Amino acid sequence: MQTWKNCRKTWTGRGEWAVENVMKINPSKRKAIRFTRARVKDPLNYLLMGTLILEASSCKYLGMILCSDLSWADQVNYVVKKAWKALHFTVRILIKSNINTKSLAYMSLVRPILQYGAACWDPYREGQINVLDRVQKKAAKFAHHKNSPNWETLASPRKLSRICALFKAYYGERAWKPIGDRLERPHYLSRVDHERKIRSSRQRTDIGKYSFVN
């Protein structure tokens, strides 16, 4: 409750600051979202310049969809839909091009969509993984006329991005420091363990269990 009061006070202060500096803010474009899995939720009732900010179950931030229940299902669906649009556009434009041009177009225009921010939303459900792989299989059939060319799988760069994110969090680089501070050393190290081993904490949900910091 105290946290909510502080947030309301902060929003009120921002509205006053905007008025003092002659800055126009449209409160109707703002959303209030609470990240929790609780079934019973009290209304947030955040005010900005005297206008109530509407509460939402999800929001888009830096190109990724954040849901209030910490699920990445909407993000995966959004990525797949966007990748299919880019792939269909590429197929229409380059249908008569050679293999190298088609492969380069996929690697430049479609695959980055499937990999953006993957360290956060890397899916662990088989259905979501198959939906992502189906896009690459379609692109492979378009470029090489076969389902399995010598392309790197989508799972490999996602795994690499998770490892890089864990490395940054472990050494506390800039914005990663708050995450790194939550990492703990194990209670016991055997002779085959290394000194930088991280303790795997118990999680009550799959979201935490399959996170890159667990």
N, C-alpha and C. Protein backbone atom coordinates (compact mmCIF):
# COMPACT_ATOMS: atom_id res chain seq x y z
N MET A 1 0.83 -1.20 0.00
CA MET A 1 0.00 0.00 0.00
C MET A 1 0.87 1.25 0.00
N GLN A 2 1.96 1.24 0.76
CA GLN A 2 2.84 2.40 0.82
C GLN A 2 3.49 2.65 -0.54
N THR A 3 3.81 1.58 -1.26
CA THR A 3 4.41 1.73 -2.59
C THR A 3 3.44 2.41 -3.54
N TRP A 4 2.17 2.02 -3.49
CA TRP A 4 1.18 2.63 -4.36
C TRP A 4 1.03 4.12 -4.05
N LYS A 5 1.07 4.47 -2.77
CA LYS A 5 0.95 5.89 -2.40
C LYS A 5 2.14 6.68 -2.93
N ASN A 6 3.33 6.08 -2.86
CA ASN A 6 4.50 6.77 -3.39
C ASN A 6 4.40 6.96 -4.90
N CYS A 7 3.86 5.94 -5.60
CA CYS A 7 3.69 6.05 -7.05
C CYS A 7 2.70 7.14 -7.40
N ARG A 8 1.60 7.21 -6.66
CA ARG A 8 0.61 8.27 -6.91
C ARG A 8 1.24 9.64 -6.69
N LYS A 9 2.04 9.76 -5.66
CA LYS A 9 2.71 11.02 -5.37
C LYS A 9 3.68 11.39 -6.49
N THR A 10 4.38 10.38 -7.03
CA THR A 10 5.33 10.62 -8.11
C THR A 10 4.62 11.10 -9.37
N TRP A 11 3.49 10.45 -9.71
CA TRP A 11 2.74 10.87 -10.89
C TRP A 11 2.20 12.28 -10.73
N THR A 12 1.75 12.63 -9.54
CA THR A 12 1.26 13.99 -9.29
C THR A 12 2.39 15.01 -9.47
N GLY A 13 3.59 14.64 -8.98
CA GLY A 13 4.73 15.53 -9.13
C GLY A 13 5.13 15.72 -10.58
N ARG A 14 5.03 14.67 -11.38
CA ARG A 14 5.36 14.78 -12.81
C ARG A 14 4.39 15.70 -13.52
N GLY A 15 3.12 15.61 -13.16
CA GLY A 15 2.14 16.50 -13.77
C GLY A 15 2.41 17.95 -13.44
N GLU A 16 2.76 18.22 -12.19
CA GLU A 16 3.09 19.60 -11.79
C GLU A 16 4.35 20.09 -12.50
N TRP A 17 5.34 19.20 -12.65
CA TRP A 17 6.58 19.58 -13.34
C TRP A 17 6.30 19.92 -14.80
N ALA A 18 5.41 19.16 -15.45
CA ALA A 18 5.08 19.42 -16.84
C ALA A 18 4.39 20.77 -17.00
N VAL A 19 3.52 21.11 -16.07
CA VAL A 19 2.82 22.40 -16.14
C VAL A 19 3.81 23.54 -15.95
N GLU A 20 4.72 23.40 -15.00
CA GLU A 20 5.70 24.46 -14.74
C GLU A 20 6.63 24.69 -15.93
N ASN A 21 6.96 23.63 -16.66
CA ASN A 21 7.89 23.73 -17.79
C ASN A 21 7.17 23.82 -19.13
N VAL A 22 5.88 24.11 -19.09
CA VAL A 22 5.07 24.30 -20.30
C VAL A 22 5.24 23.10 -21.25
N MET A 23 5.11 21.92 -20.69
CA MET A 23 5.21 20.70 -21.49
C MET A 23 3.85 20.03 -21.53
N LYS A 24 3.43 19.67 -22.75
CA LYS A 24 2.13 19.04 -22.92
C LYS A 24 2.26 17.52 -22.79
N ILE A 25 1.46 16.94 -21.93
CA ILE A 25 1.42 15.49 -21.74
C ILE A 25 -0.01 15.03 -21.93
N ASN A 26 -0.18 14.01 -22.74
CA ASN A 26 -1.51 13.47 -22.99
C ASN A 26 -1.74 12.27 -22.07
N PRO A 27 -2.48 12.45 -20.98
CA PRO A 27 -2.69 11.33 -20.04
C PRO A 27 -3.44 10.15 -20.66
N SER A 28 -4.22 10.39 -21.71
CA SER A 28 -4.99 9.31 -22.31
C SER A 28 -4.10 8.28 -23.01
N LYS A 29 -2.86 8.66 -23.32
CA LYS A 29 -1.94 7.74 -23.97
C LYS A 29 -1.11 6.94 -22.96
N ARG A 30 -1.32 7.18 -21.69
CA ARG A 30 -0.58 6.46 -20.66
C ARG A 30 -1.38 5.24 -20.18
N LYS A 31 -0.66 4.24 -19.72
CA LYS A 31 -1.27 3.03 -19.18
C LYS A 31 -0.65 2.69 -17.84
N ALA A 32 -1.47 2.18 -16.94
CA ALA A 32 -0.99 1.71 -15.65
C ALA A 32 -1.09 0.19 -15.64
N ILE A 33 0.00 -0.48 -15.31
CA ILE A 33 0.02 -1.94 -15.31
C ILE A 33 0.68 -2.44 -14.04
N ARG A 34 0.14 -3.49 -13.48
CA ARG A 34 0.66 -4.07 -12.26
C ARG A 34 1.07 -5.51 -12.56
N PHE A 35 2.31 -5.86 -12.23
CA PHE A 35 2.83 -7.20 -12.51
C PHE A 35 2.60 -8.09 -11.29
N THR A 36 1.60 -8.93 -11.39
CA THR A 36 1.26 -9.83 -10.30
C THR A 36 0.41 -10.97 -10.85
N ARG A 37 0.42 -12.10 -10.15
CA ARG A 37 -0.41 -13.24 -10.52
C ARG A 37 -1.59 -13.39 -9.56
N ALA A 38 -1.79 -12.41 -8.71
CA ALA A 38 -2.89 -12.47 -7.75
C ALA A 38 -4.23 -12.35 -8.47
N ARG A 39 -5.22 -13.07 -7.99
CA ARG A 39 -6.53 -13.03 -8.61
C ARG A 39 -7.32 -11.80 -8.19
N VAL A 40 -7.21 -11.42 -6.93
CA VAL A 40 -7.92 -10.25 -6.42
C VAL A 40 -6.97 -9.05 -6.46
N LYS A 41 -7.36 -8.03 -7.20
CA LYS A 41 -6.50 -6.86 -7.37
C LYS A 41 -7.27 -5.59 -7.02
N ASP A 42 -6.66 -4.76 -6.23
CA ASP A 42 -7.25 -3.45 -5.93
C ASP A 42 -6.95 -2.49 -7.07
N PRO A 43 -7.85 -1.57 -7.39
CA PRO A 43 -7.60 -0.61 -8.47
C PRO A 43 -6.41 0.29 -8.13
N LEU A 44 -5.63 0.63 -9.16
CA LEU A 44 -4.45 1.47 -8.95
C LEU A 44 -4.82 2.93 -8.73
N ASN A 45 -5.74 3.45 -9.56
CA ASN A 45 -6.21 4.83 -9.42
C ASN A 45 -5.06 5.84 -9.47
N TYR A 46 -4.20 5.73 -10.48
CA TYR A 46 -3.13 6.70 -10.67
C TYR A 46 -3.68 7.91 -11.42
N LEU A 47 -3.29 9.08 -10.97
CA LEU A 47 -3.75 10.33 -11.58
C LEU A 47 -2.56 11.07 -12.18
N LEU A 48 -2.77 11.61 -13.37
CA LEU A 48 -1.77 12.44 -14.02
C LEU A 48 -2.46 13.70 -14.53
N MET A 49 -2.10 14.82 -13.94
CA MET A 49 -2.70 16.11 -14.31
C MET A 49 -4.22 16.07 -14.15
N GLY A 50 -4.66 15.40 -13.08
CA GLY A 50 -6.08 15.34 -12.77
C GLY A 50 -6.85 14.33 -13.57
N THR A 51 -6.19 13.56 -14.43
CA THR A 51 -6.87 12.57 -15.26
C THR A 51 -6.49 11.17 -14.80
N LEU A 52 -7.48 10.30 -14.68
CA LEU A 52 -7.24 8.94 -14.24
C LEU A 52 -6.57 8.15 -15.36
N ILE A 53 -5.45 7.49 -15.05
CA ILE A 53 -4.74 6.67 -16.02
C ILE A 53 -5.40 5.30 -16.07
N LEU A 54 -5.75 4.89 -17.26
CA LEU A 54 -6.44 3.61 -17.42
C LEU A 54 -5.50 2.45 -17.10
N GLU A 55 -6.05 1.45 -16.42
CA GLU A 55 -5.27 0.27 -16.08
C GLU A 55 -5.38 -0.76 -17.19
N ALA A 56 -4.24 -1.36 -17.56
CA ALA A 56 -4.19 -2.32 -18.66
C ALA A 56 -3.56 -3.61 -18.19
N SER A 57 -3.85 -4.70 -18.91
CA SER A 57 -3.28 -6.00 -18.59
C SER A 57 -1.97 -6.25 -19.30
N SER A 58 -1.64 -5.41 -20.30
CA SER A 58 -0.39 -5.55 -21.02
C SER A 58 -0.01 -4.20 -21.61
N CYS A 59 1.27 -4.06 -21.92
CA CYS A 59 1.75 -2.84 -22.55
C CYS A 59 2.96 -3.17 -23.41
N LYS A 60 3.25 -2.29 -24.35
CA LYS A 60 4.39 -2.48 -25.24
C LYS A 60 5.51 -1.54 -24.83
N TYR A 61 6.69 -2.09 -24.59
CA TYR A 61 7.82 -1.30 -24.13
C TYR A 61 9.08 -1.76 -24.86
N LEU A 62 9.70 -0.85 -25.57
CA LEU A 62 10.92 -1.15 -26.32
C LEU A 62 10.72 -2.33 -27.28
N GLY A 63 9.56 -2.37 -27.91
CA GLY A 63 9.30 -3.40 -28.91
C GLY A 63 8.89 -4.74 -28.36
N MET A 64 8.70 -4.85 -27.04
CA MET A 64 8.29 -6.12 -26.43
C MET A 64 7.00 -5.90 -25.64
N ILE A 65 6.14 -6.91 -25.66
CA ILE A 65 4.86 -6.84 -24.97
C ILE A 65 5.00 -7.44 -23.58
N LEU A 66 4.76 -6.62 -22.57
CA LEU A 66 4.84 -7.05 -21.18
C LEU A 66 3.43 -7.28 -20.64
N CYS A 67 3.17 -8.46 -20.11
CA CYS A 67 1.86 -8.81 -19.57
C CYS A 67 1.89 -8.73 -18.05
N SER A 68 0.76 -8.46 -17.47
CA SER A 68 0.68 -8.30 -16.02
C SER A 68 0.96 -9.61 -15.29
N ASP A 69 0.68 -10.75 -15.93
CA ASP A 69 0.93 -12.05 -15.28
C ASP A 69 2.31 -12.60 -15.60
N LEU A 70 3.18 -11.77 -16.21
CA LEU A 70 4.56 -12.13 -16.55
C LEU A 70 4.64 -13.25 -17.58
N SER A 71 3.59 -13.43 -18.35
CA SER A 71 3.60 -14.42 -19.42
C SER A 71 4.11 -13.79 -20.71
N TRP A 72 4.84 -14.58 -21.50
CA TRP A 72 5.38 -14.09 -22.77
C TRP A 72 4.60 -14.62 -23.96
N ALA A 73 3.41 -15.15 -23.76
CA ALA A 73 2.62 -15.70 -24.86
C ALA A 73 2.26 -14.62 -25.87
N ASP A 74 1.84 -13.46 -25.39
CA ASP A 74 1.49 -12.36 -26.30
C ASP A 74 2.70 -11.88 -27.09
N GLN A 75 3.88 -11.87 -26.45
CA GLN A 75 5.09 -11.44 -27.13
C GLN A 75 5.45 -12.43 -28.25
N VAL A 76 5.35 -13.72 -27.97
CA VAL A 76 5.67 -14.73 -28.99
C VAL A 76 4.70 -14.60 -30.17
N ASN A 77 3.42 -14.44 -29.89
CA ASN A 77 2.43 -14.29 -30.96
C ASN A 77 2.69 -13.03 -31.78
N TYR A 78 3.08 -11.97 -31.10
CA TYR A 78 3.38 -10.71 -31.80
C TYR A 78 4.60 -10.87 -32.71
N VAL A 79 5.64 -11.53 -32.21
CA VAL A 79 6.85 -11.75 -33.00
C VAL A 79 6.56 -12.62 -34.22
N VAL A 80 5.81 -13.68 -34.02
CA VAL A 80 5.49 -14.59 -35.13
C VAL A 80 4.67 -13.87 -36.20
N LYS A 81 3.69 -13.11 -35.78
CA LYS A 81 2.85 -12.38 -36.73
C LYS A 81 3.67 -11.36 -37.53
N LYS A 82 4.55 -10.65 -36.85
CA LYS A 82 5.40 -9.66 -37.52
C LYS A 82 6.39 -10.33 -38.47
N ALA A 83 6.93 -11.47 -38.07
CA ALA A 83 7.89 -12.19 -38.92
C ALA A 83 7.20 -12.74 -40.17
N TRP A 84 5.98 -13.24 -40.02
CA TRP A 84 5.26 -13.75 -41.19
C TRP A 84 4.99 -12.63 -42.19
N LYS A 85 4.64 -11.45 -41.70
CA LYS A 85 4.40 -10.32 -42.59
C LYS A 85 5.66 -9.96 -43.37
N ALA A 86 6.79 -9.93 -42.66
CA ALA A 86 8.06 -9.61 -43.32
C ALA A 86 8.45 -10.69 -44.32
N LEU A 87 8.20 -11.95 -43.98
CA LEU A 87 8.55 -13.05 -44.88
C LEU A 87 7.68 -13.04 -46.13
N HIS A 88 6.38 -12.81 -45.98
CA HIS A 88 5.49 -12.76 -47.13
C HIS A 88 5.87 -11.60 -48.06
N PHE A 89 6.25 -10.48 -47.48
CA PHE A 89 6.71 -9.35 -48.30
C PHE A 89 7.97 -9.74 -49.08
N THR A 90 8.90 -10.42 -48.41
CA THR A 90 10.14 -10.84 -49.07
C THR A 90 9.86 -11.83 -50.20
N VAL A 91 8.93 -12.75 -49.97
CA VAL A 91 8.59 -13.74 -50.99
C VAL A 91 8.00 -13.07 -52.22
N ARG A 92 7.13 -12.09 -52.03
CA ARG A 92 6.51 -11.40 -53.17
C ARG A 92 7.54 -10.64 -53.99
N ILE A 93 8.51 -10.00 -53.31
CA ILE A 93 9.46 -9.16 -54.02
C ILE A 93 10.55 -9.98 -54.70
N LEU A 94 11.01 -11.04 -54.02
CA LEU A 94 12.20 -11.77 -54.49
C LEU A 94 11.86 -13.17 -55.00
N ILE A 95 10.68 -13.38 -55.50
CA ILE A 95 10.28 -14.71 -55.91
C ILE A 95 11.13 -15.24 -57.07
N LYS A 96 11.68 -14.35 -57.90
CA LYS A 96 12.49 -14.76 -59.05
C LYS A 96 13.99 -14.57 -58.80
N SER A 97 14.38 -14.28 -57.58
CA SER A 97 15.80 -14.04 -57.28
C SER A 97 16.52 -15.37 -57.04
N ASN A 98 17.85 -15.29 -56.94
CA ASN A 98 18.64 -16.50 -56.71
C ASN A 98 18.67 -16.86 -55.24
N ILE A 99 19.32 -17.99 -54.94
CA ILE A 99 19.34 -18.52 -53.56
C ILE A 99 20.03 -17.56 -52.61
N ASN A 100 21.17 -17.01 -53.02
CA ASN A 100 21.93 -16.12 -52.13
C ASN A 100 21.14 -14.88 -51.78
N THR A 101 20.45 -14.31 -52.75
CA THR A 101 19.65 -13.10 -52.48
C THR A 101 18.50 -13.39 -51.53
N LYS A 102 17.83 -14.51 -51.73
CA LYS A 102 16.73 -14.89 -50.85
C LYS A 102 17.22 -15.15 -49.43
N SER A 103 18.35 -15.84 -49.31
CA SER A 103 18.89 -16.13 -47.98
C SER A 103 19.31 -14.85 -47.27
N LEU A 104 19.95 -13.96 -48.01
CA LEU A 104 20.38 -12.69 -47.42
C LEU A 104 19.19 -11.85 -46.97
N ALA A 105 18.14 -11.85 -47.77
CA ALA A 105 16.93 -11.10 -47.40
C ALA A 105 16.31 -11.64 -46.12
N TYR A 106 16.26 -12.97 -46.00
CA TYR A 106 15.70 -13.56 -44.78
C TYR A 106 16.55 -13.22 -43.56
N MET A 107 17.88 -13.36 -43.70
CA MET A 107 18.77 -13.08 -42.58
C MET A 107 18.76 -11.61 -42.18
N SER A 108 18.45 -10.73 -43.11
CA SER A 108 18.49 -9.30 -42.84
C SER A 108 17.15 -8.73 -42.40
N LEU A 109 16.05 -9.27 -42.92
CA LEU A 109 14.75 -8.66 -42.69
C LEU A 109 13.84 -9.46 -41.76
N VAL A 110 13.96 -10.78 -41.77
CA VAL A 110 13.02 -11.62 -41.02
C VAL A 110 13.64 -12.15 -39.74
N ARG A 111 14.82 -12.73 -39.84
CA ARG A 111 15.43 -13.39 -38.68
C ARG A 111 15.68 -12.42 -37.51
N PRO A 112 16.12 -11.17 -37.75
CA PRO A 112 16.28 -10.25 -36.60
C PRO A 112 14.99 -10.05 -35.81
N ILE A 113 13.84 -10.14 -36.47
CA ILE A 113 12.56 -10.02 -35.77
C ILE A 113 12.37 -11.19 -34.81
N LEU A 114 12.78 -12.38 -35.24
CA LEU A 114 12.62 -13.58 -34.41
C LEU A 114 13.61 -13.64 -33.26
N GLN A 115 14.65 -12.79 -33.28
CA GLN A 115 15.69 -12.86 -32.27
C GLN A 115 15.72 -11.64 -31.35
N TYR A 116 14.96 -10.62 -31.66
CA TYR A 116 15.04 -9.39 -30.87
C TYR A 116 14.56 -9.62 -29.44
N GLY A 117 15.43 -9.29 -28.48
CA GLY A 117 15.06 -9.41 -27.07
C GLY A 117 14.81 -10.83 -26.61
N ALA A 118 15.38 -11.82 -27.32
CA ALA A 118 15.08 -13.22 -27.02
C ALA A 118 15.59 -13.66 -25.66
N ALA A 119 16.57 -12.96 -25.09
CA ALA A 119 17.06 -13.32 -23.76
C ALA A 119 15.96 -13.21 -22.71
N CYS A 120 14.99 -12.34 -22.94
CA CYS A 120 13.89 -12.15 -21.99
C CYS A 120 12.75 -13.13 -22.25
N TRP A 121 12.33 -13.24 -23.51
CA TRP A 121 11.11 -13.99 -23.79
C TRP A 121 11.36 -15.36 -24.41
N ASP A 122 12.57 -15.86 -24.35
CA ASP A 122 12.90 -17.17 -24.91
C ASP A 122 11.87 -18.21 -24.46
N PRO A 123 11.07 -18.75 -25.38
CA PRO A 123 9.98 -19.66 -24.96
C PRO A 123 10.49 -21.01 -24.50
N TYR A 124 9.79 -21.58 -23.55
CA TYR A 124 10.11 -22.91 -23.05
C TYR A 124 9.01 -23.92 -23.37
N ARG A 125 7.89 -23.45 -23.87
CA ARG A 125 6.81 -24.34 -24.26
C ARG A 125 7.04 -24.83 -25.69
N GLU A 126 6.83 -26.11 -25.90
CA GLU A 126 7.12 -26.72 -27.19
C GLU A 126 6.27 -26.11 -28.30
N GLY A 127 5.02 -25.78 -27.99
CA GLY A 127 4.14 -25.20 -29.00
C GLY A 127 4.66 -23.86 -29.51
N GLN A 128 5.12 -23.01 -28.60
CA GLN A 128 5.65 -21.71 -28.99
C GLN A 128 6.95 -21.84 -29.77
N ILE A 129 7.79 -22.81 -29.39
CA ILE A 129 9.05 -23.03 -30.11
C ILE A 129 8.77 -23.49 -31.53
N ASN A 130 7.79 -24.37 -31.70
CA ASN A 130 7.45 -24.87 -33.03
C ASN A 130 6.88 -23.77 -33.92
N VAL A 131 6.11 -22.87 -33.33
CA VAL A 131 5.54 -21.76 -34.10
C VAL A 131 6.65 -20.86 -34.65
N LEU A 132 7.67 -20.61 -33.86
CA LEU A 132 8.80 -19.80 -34.32
C LEU A 132 9.59 -20.54 -35.39
N ASP A 133 9.83 -21.82 -35.18
CA ASP A 133 10.61 -22.59 -36.15
C ASP A 133 9.88 -22.73 -37.48
N ARG A 134 8.56 -22.68 -37.45
CA ARG A 134 7.80 -22.82 -38.69
C ARG A 134 8.08 -21.67 -39.66
N VAL A 135 8.38 -20.50 -39.12
CA VAL A 135 8.71 -19.36 -39.98
C VAL A 135 10.01 -19.62 -40.72
N GLN A 136 11.03 -20.11 -40.00
CA GLN A 136 12.31 -20.38 -40.65
C GLN A 136 12.20 -21.53 -41.65
N LYS A 137 11.40 -22.53 -41.35
CA LYS A 137 11.23 -23.64 -42.28
C LYS A 137 10.59 -23.16 -43.58
N LYS A 138 9.63 -22.24 -43.46
CA LYS A 138 9.00 -21.67 -44.65
C LYS A 138 10.01 -20.86 -45.45
N ALA A 139 10.85 -20.09 -44.77
CA ALA A 139 11.88 -19.31 -45.46
C ALA A 139 12.91 -20.22 -46.13
N ALA A 140 13.25 -21.33 -45.48
CA ALA A 140 14.21 -22.27 -46.06
C ALA A 140 13.64 -22.92 -47.31
N LYS A 141 12.38 -23.24 -47.27
CA LYS A 141 11.74 -23.83 -48.45
C LYS A 141 11.67 -22.84 -49.59
N PHE A 142 11.50 -21.56 -49.26
CA PHE A 142 11.44 -20.52 -50.28
C PHE A 142 12.82 -20.27 -50.90
N ALA A 143 13.87 -20.28 -50.08
CA ALA A 143 15.20 -19.96 -50.57
C ALA A 143 15.92 -21.16 -51.16
N HIS A 144 15.84 -22.32 -50.48
CA HIS A 144 16.61 -23.49 -50.89
C HIS A 144 15.74 -24.64 -51.40
N HIS A 145 14.43 -24.46 -51.36
CA HIS A 145 13.50 -25.51 -51.79
C HIS A 145 13.64 -26.78 -50.95
N LYS A 146 14.01 -26.59 -49.67
CA LYS A 146 14.06 -27.70 -48.73
C LYS A 146 13.88 -27.15 -47.32
N ASN A 147 13.45 -28.00 -46.39
CA ASN A 147 13.10 -27.54 -45.04
C ASN A 147 14.30 -27.38 -44.12
N SER A 148 15.41 -27.97 -44.43
CA SER A 148 16.55 -27.95 -43.50
C SER A 148 17.85 -27.58 -44.22
N PRO A 149 18.08 -26.30 -44.55
CA PRO A 149 19.36 -25.89 -45.11
C PRO A 149 20.42 -25.78 -44.02
N ASN A 150 21.58 -25.34 -44.39
CA ASN A 150 22.67 -25.22 -43.42
C ASN A 150 22.58 -23.90 -42.65
N TRP A 151 21.41 -23.61 -42.14
CA TRP A 151 21.20 -22.42 -41.33
C TRP A 151 21.26 -22.79 -39.85
N GLU A 152 21.73 -21.84 -39.07
CA GLU A 152 21.73 -22.03 -37.62
C GLU A 152 20.30 -22.05 -37.10
N THR A 153 20.00 -22.94 -36.19
CA THR A 153 18.66 -23.01 -35.64
C THR A 153 18.34 -21.77 -34.83
N LEU A 154 17.07 -21.48 -34.66
CA LEU A 154 16.67 -20.30 -33.89
C LEU A 154 16.97 -20.47 -32.41
N ALA A 155 17.00 -21.71 -31.94
CA ALA A 155 17.25 -21.95 -30.51
C ALA A 155 18.68 -21.60 -30.13
N SER A 156 19.63 -21.75 -31.03
CA SER A 156 21.04 -21.50 -30.71
C SER A 156 21.32 -20.04 -30.36
N PRO A 157 20.93 -19.06 -31.19
CA PRO A 157 21.16 -17.67 -30.80
C PRO A 157 20.37 -17.23 -29.58
N ARG A 158 19.19 -17.85 -29.37
CA ARG A 158 18.44 -17.52 -28.16
C ARG A 158 19.19 -17.98 -26.92
N LYS A 159 19.77 -19.17 -27.00
CA LYS A 159 20.56 -19.68 -25.88
C LYS A 159 21.79 -18.82 -25.65
N LEU A 160 22.43 -18.39 -26.74
CA LEU A 160 23.62 -17.54 -26.62
C LEU A 160 23.27 -16.20 -25.99
N SER A 161 22.14 -15.63 -26.37
CA SER A 161 21.73 -14.34 -25.80
C SER A 161 21.41 -14.48 -24.31
N ARG A 162 20.88 -15.62 -23.88
CA ARG A 162 20.62 -15.86 -22.46
C ARG A 162 21.93 -15.96 -21.69
N ILE A 163 22.92 -16.62 -22.28
CA ILE A 163 24.22 -16.74 -21.62
C ILE A 163 24.89 -15.37 -21.50
N CYS A 164 24.81 -14.56 -22.56
CA CYS A 164 25.38 -13.21 -22.52
C CYS A 164 24.69 -12.35 -21.47
N ALA A 165 23.36 -12.48 -21.37
CA ALA A 165 22.63 -11.72 -20.36
C ALA A 165 23.03 -12.15 -18.95
N LEU A 166 23.21 -13.45 -18.74
CA LEU A 166 23.64 -13.94 -17.43
C LEU A 166 25.05 -13.44 -17.11
N PHE A 167 25.92 -13.40 -18.11
CA PHE A 167 27.28 -12.89 -17.89
C PHE A 167 27.26 -11.43 -17.46
N LYS A 168 26.45 -10.62 -18.13
CA LYS A 168 26.35 -9.20 -17.78
C LYS A 168 25.76 -9.02 -16.38
N ALA A 169 24.77 -9.84 -16.06
CA ALA A 169 24.16 -9.74 -14.73
C ALA A 169 25.14 -10.19 -13.65
N TYR A 170 25.93 -11.23 -13.93
CA TYR A 170 26.87 -11.76 -12.94
C TYR A 170 27.92 -10.73 -12.58
N TYR A 171 28.42 -10.01 -13.57
CA TYR A 171 29.45 -9.01 -13.33
C TYR A 171 28.88 -7.62 -13.06
N GLY A 172 27.56 -7.51 -13.03
CA GLY A 172 26.91 -6.27 -12.62
C GLY A 172 27.19 -5.09 -13.49
N GLU A 173 27.09 -5.25 -14.78
CA GLU A 173 27.35 -4.15 -15.69
C GLU A 173 26.15 -3.22 -15.76
N ARG A 174 26.33 -1.98 -15.36
CA ARG A 174 25.36 -0.91 -15.51
C ARG A 174 23.96 -1.32 -15.05
N ALA A 175 23.00 -1.36 -16.00
CA ALA A 175 21.62 -1.64 -15.64
C ALA A 175 21.41 -3.08 -15.19
N TRP A 176 22.40 -3.95 -15.41
CA TRP A 176 22.26 -5.35 -15.01
C TRP A 176 22.58 -5.56 -13.53
N LYS A 177 23.11 -4.55 -12.86
CA LYS A 177 23.55 -4.72 -11.48
C LYS A 177 22.43 -5.15 -10.54
N PRO A 178 21.21 -4.57 -10.62
CA PRO A 178 20.15 -5.04 -9.71
C PRO A 178 19.83 -6.52 -9.87
N ILE A 179 19.94 -7.04 -11.11
CA ILE A 179 19.71 -8.46 -11.31
C ILE A 179 20.87 -9.27 -10.75
N GLY A 180 22.10 -8.78 -10.98
CA GLY A 180 23.27 -9.49 -10.48
C GLY A 180 23.31 -9.57 -8.97
N ASP A 181 22.76 -8.56 -8.31
CA ASP A 181 22.76 -8.57 -6.84
C ASP A 181 21.87 -9.67 -6.27
N ARG A 182 20.95 -10.19 -7.07
CA ARG A 182 20.06 -11.25 -6.61
C ARG A 182 20.66 -12.64 -6.78
N LEU A 183 21.78 -12.74 -7.51
CA LEU A 183 22.44 -14.02 -7.70
C LEU A 183 23.18 -14.42 -6.43
N GLU A 184 23.08 -15.67 -6.06
CA GLU A 184 23.70 -16.15 -4.82
C GLU A 184 24.63 -17.32 -5.09
N ARG A 185 25.64 -17.42 -4.26
CA ARG A 185 26.57 -18.55 -4.35
C ARG A 185 25.95 -19.79 -3.71
N PRO A 186 26.28 -20.97 -4.19
CA PRO A 186 25.73 -22.19 -3.59
C PRO A 186 26.27 -22.42 -2.19
N HIS A 187 25.53 -23.16 -1.37
CA HIS A 187 25.96 -23.43 0.00
C HIS A 187 27.16 -24.38 0.04
N TYR A 188 27.30 -25.17 -1.01
CA TYR A 188 28.37 -26.17 -1.01
C TYR A 188 28.98 -26.26 -2.40
N LEU A 189 30.31 -26.33 -2.47
CA LEU A 189 31.03 -26.49 -3.73
C LEU A 189 31.83 -27.80 -3.67
N SER A 190 31.60 -28.66 -4.63
CA SER A 190 32.36 -29.91 -4.70
C SER A 190 33.69 -29.66 -5.41
N ARG A 191 34.50 -30.68 -5.51
CA ARG A 191 35.81 -30.54 -6.12
C ARG A 191 35.72 -30.31 -7.63
N VAL A 192 34.61 -30.68 -8.23
CA VAL A 192 34.46 -30.48 -9.68
C VAL A 192 33.77 -29.16 -10.01
N ASP A 193 33.32 -28.42 -8.99
CA ASP A 193 32.67 -27.13 -9.22
C ASP A 193 33.71 -26.03 -9.34
N HIS A 194 33.31 -24.93 -10.00
CA HIS A 194 34.18 -23.77 -10.10
C HIS A 194 33.69 -22.69 -9.13
N GLU A 195 34.53 -21.72 -8.88
CA GLU A 195 34.23 -20.72 -7.84
C GLU A 195 33.14 -19.73 -8.24
N ARG A 196 32.79 -19.69 -9.52
CA ARG A 196 31.75 -18.75 -9.99
C ARG A 196 30.39 -19.43 -10.16
N LYS A 197 30.22 -20.57 -9.59
CA LYS A 197 28.95 -21.27 -9.71
C LYS A 197 27.84 -20.49 -9.03
N ILE A 198 26.65 -20.54 -9.62
CA ILE A 198 25.50 -19.80 -9.11
C ILE A 198 24.48 -20.78 -8.56
N ARG A 199 23.89 -20.44 -7.44
CA ARG A 199 22.89 -21.31 -6.84
C ARG A 199 21.57 -21.17 -7.57
N SER A 200 20.97 -22.30 -7.90
CA SER A 200 19.67 -22.31 -8.55
C SER A 200 18.58 -22.23 -7.49
N SER A 201 17.83 -21.15 -7.51
CA SER A 201 16.80 -20.95 -6.49
C SER A 201 15.50 -21.64 -6.87
N ARG A 202 14.73 -22.00 -5.89
CA ARG A 202 13.45 -22.64 -6.13
C ARG A 202 12.43 -21.61 -6.60
N GLN A 203 11.67 -21.99 -7.62
CA GLN A 203 10.67 -21.10 -8.20
C GLN A 203 9.30 -21.75 -8.14
N ARG A 204 8.30 -20.95 -7.92
CA ARG A 204 6.93 -21.45 -7.84
C ARG A 204 6.24 -21.44 -9.20
N THR A 205 6.80 -20.74 -10.18
CA THR A 205 6.19 -20.65 -11.50
C THR A 205 7.22 -21.01 -12.57
N ASP A 206 6.72 -21.38 -13.74
CA ASP A 206 7.61 -21.70 -14.85
C ASP A 206 8.33 -20.45 -15.37
N ILE A 207 7.72 -19.29 -15.20
CA ILE A 207 8.35 -18.04 -15.65
C ILE A 207 9.69 -17.85 -14.95
N GLY A 208 9.72 -18.08 -13.65
CA GLY A 208 10.97 -17.95 -12.91
C GLY A 208 11.89 -19.14 -13.10
N LYS A 209 11.30 -20.30 -13.25
CA LYS A 209 12.11 -21.53 -13.39
C LYS A 209 12.96 -21.51 -14.65
N TYR A 210 12.40 -21.00 -15.75
CA TYR A 210 13.10 -20.98 -17.01
C TYR A 210 13.74 -19.64 -17.33
N SER A 211 13.86 -18.77 -16.33
CA SER A 211 14.53 -17.49 -16.53
C SER A 211 16.03 -17.70 -16.70
N PHE A 212 16.69 -16.76 -17.38
CA PHE A 212 18.13 -16.91 -17.64
C PHE A 212 18.97 -16.75 -16.37
N VAL A 213 18.39 -16.26 -15.29
CA VAL A 213 19.15 -16.09 -14.05
C VAL A 213 18.91 -17.24 -13.08
N ASN A 214 18.20 -18.25 -13.50
CA ASN A 214 17.93 -19.38 -12.59
C ASN A 214 18.62 -20.65 -13.09
